[in-house]
């Protein structure tokens, strides 16, 4: 499978902290952090990342087609705030 196909299939990387009571989650662009898809962390439990709470246990997963939560603002919407 070509790297571009793997990248589009796996999408963005989601790292969720597994420390008790912690709710931190990070949505990352793995290609910019790790390079080719073969170097990306495997999905599942990981101790590769450190959360802002100090936790080292996390769960890595991938979301194909994950997009930012908010769409870009339109010029009309910007005028409403002016």
Protein backbone atom coordinates (compact mmCIF):
# COMPACT_ATOMS: atom_id res chain seq x y z
CA UNK A 1 0.00 0.00 0.00
CA UNK A 2 1.36 3.42 -0.92
CA UNK A 3 2.10 5.88 1.85
CA UNK A 4 -0.53 8.36 0.60
CA UNK A 5 -3.19 5.63 0.77
CA UNK A 6 -2.12 4.67 4.28
CA UNK A 7 -2.18 8.32 5.38
CA UNK A 8 -5.67 8.92 4.01
CA UNK A 9 -6.95 5.67 5.55
CA UNK A 10 -5.52 6.26 9.01
CA UNK A 11 -6.07 10.03 9.14
CA UNK A 12 -5.28 12.07 12.23
CA UNK A 13 -3.89 10.56 15.40
CA UNK A 14 -5.93 10.80 18.60
CA UNK A 15 -4.02 10.47 21.89
CA UNK A 16 -6.24 10.09 24.96
CA UNK A 17 -4.78 10.16 28.48
CA UNK A 18 -5.69 7.10 30.56
CA UNK A 19 -4.84 8.55 34.00
CA UNK A 20 -7.77 8.26 36.43
CA UNK A 21 -9.90 11.40 36.34
CA UNK A 22 -8.03 12.95 33.38
CA UNK A 23 -10.03 13.98 30.33
CA UNK A 24 -7.22 15.32 28.11
CA UNK A 25 -7.25 14.34 24.45
CA UNK A 26 -4.96 15.54 21.66
CA UNK A 27 -5.71 15.47 17.92
CA UNK A 28 -2.36 15.36 16.10
CA UNK A 29 -1.14 15.32 12.52
CA UNK A 30 1.13 12.22 12.62
CA UNK A 31 2.87 12.81 9.31
CA UNK A 32 4.30 16.14 10.43
CA UNK A 33 5.46 14.62 13.76
CA UNK A 34 6.73 11.19 12.71
CA UNK A 35 7.21 11.33 8.93
CA UNK A 36 6.25 8.28 6.85
CA UNK A 37 3.28 6.20 8.03
CA UNK A 38 5.56 3.24 8.82
CA UNK A 39 7.06 5.33 11.68
CA UNK A 40 3.72 6.27 13.28
CA UNK A 41 2.89 4.81 16.71
CA UNK A 42 0.67 1.73 16.60
CA UNK A 43 -2.94 2.10 17.71
CA UNK A 44 -3.60 0.93 21.26
CA UNK A 45 -2.04 1.56 24.67
CA UNK A 46 1.14 3.61 24.68
CA UNK A 47 3.61 5.17 27.09
CA UNK A 48 5.19 7.30 24.37
CA UNK A 49 3.38 10.54 25.25
CA UNK A 50 3.23 12.63 28.42
CA UNK A 51 -0.03 14.38 29.25
CA UNK A 52 -0.17 17.88 30.74
CA UNK A 53 -1.46 16.17 33.93
CA UNK A 54 1.82 14.21 34.09
CA UNK A 55 0.29 10.87 33.07
CA UNK A 56 2.28 8.54 30.81
CA UNK A 57 -0.43 5.98 29.92
CA UNK A 58 -2.43 6.84 26.82
CA UNK A 59 -4.50 5.23 24.11
CA UNK A 60 -3.56 6.00 20.52
CA UNK A 61 -6.18 5.72 17.78
CA UNK A 62 -6.61 7.08 14.29
CA UNK A 63 -9.59 8.86 12.74
CA UNK A 64 -9.82 8.92 8.97
CA UNK A 65 -11.12 12.23 7.71
CA UNK A 66 -11.02 13.92 11.12
CA UNK A 67 -11.48 17.65 10.69
CA UNK A 68 -11.11 20.62 13.01
CA UNK A 69 -14.16 21.11 15.25
CA UNK A 70 -14.99 24.54 13.82
CA UNK A 71 -15.18 25.44 10.13
CA UNK A 72 -13.32 28.55 8.95
CA UNK A 73 -15.19 31.79 9.58
CA UNK A 74 -16.94 33.40 6.62
CA UNK A 75 -16.47 37.14 5.94
CA UNK A 76 -20.13 37.75 6.90
CA UNK A 77 -19.64 36.12 10.29
CA UNK A 78 -16.58 38.29 10.95
CA UNK A 79 -18.60 41.46 10.26
CA UNK A 80 -21.13 40.44 12.93
CA UNK A 81 -18.35 40.68 15.56
CA UNK A 82 -16.98 44.03 14.31
